[in-house]
């Protein structure tokens, strides 16, 4: 049991689709390598993928926009928990909400 990370690489739209896809995968793999080698993450719990230039968050017509599009998106997935485990995790915040409602 344990959390898993999804690392999704992205690029700007300079270059061919094939080059950008390869670069985006390499970008995600590079972050994974850092997390494993320097931070001690379990490599089996980190999943990588590349999207190339297909999901921009900014315009590629400016340097600032291109810089924003050259990125890694990180997803954090928690394992499914048993009902009792979920209640144990959320119990403190539930108590706090009850105190606020008073």
Foldseek 3Di string as FASTA:
>chain_A
DWKAKEKEFEAAPPDDQVVQQVVRQVVSVVVLCCCCPPVPDDSVRYHYGYDGHPDQPADSPDPVSRVRRGDIDMDMGGDDDDPVVVCVVCVVVVVVVVVVVD
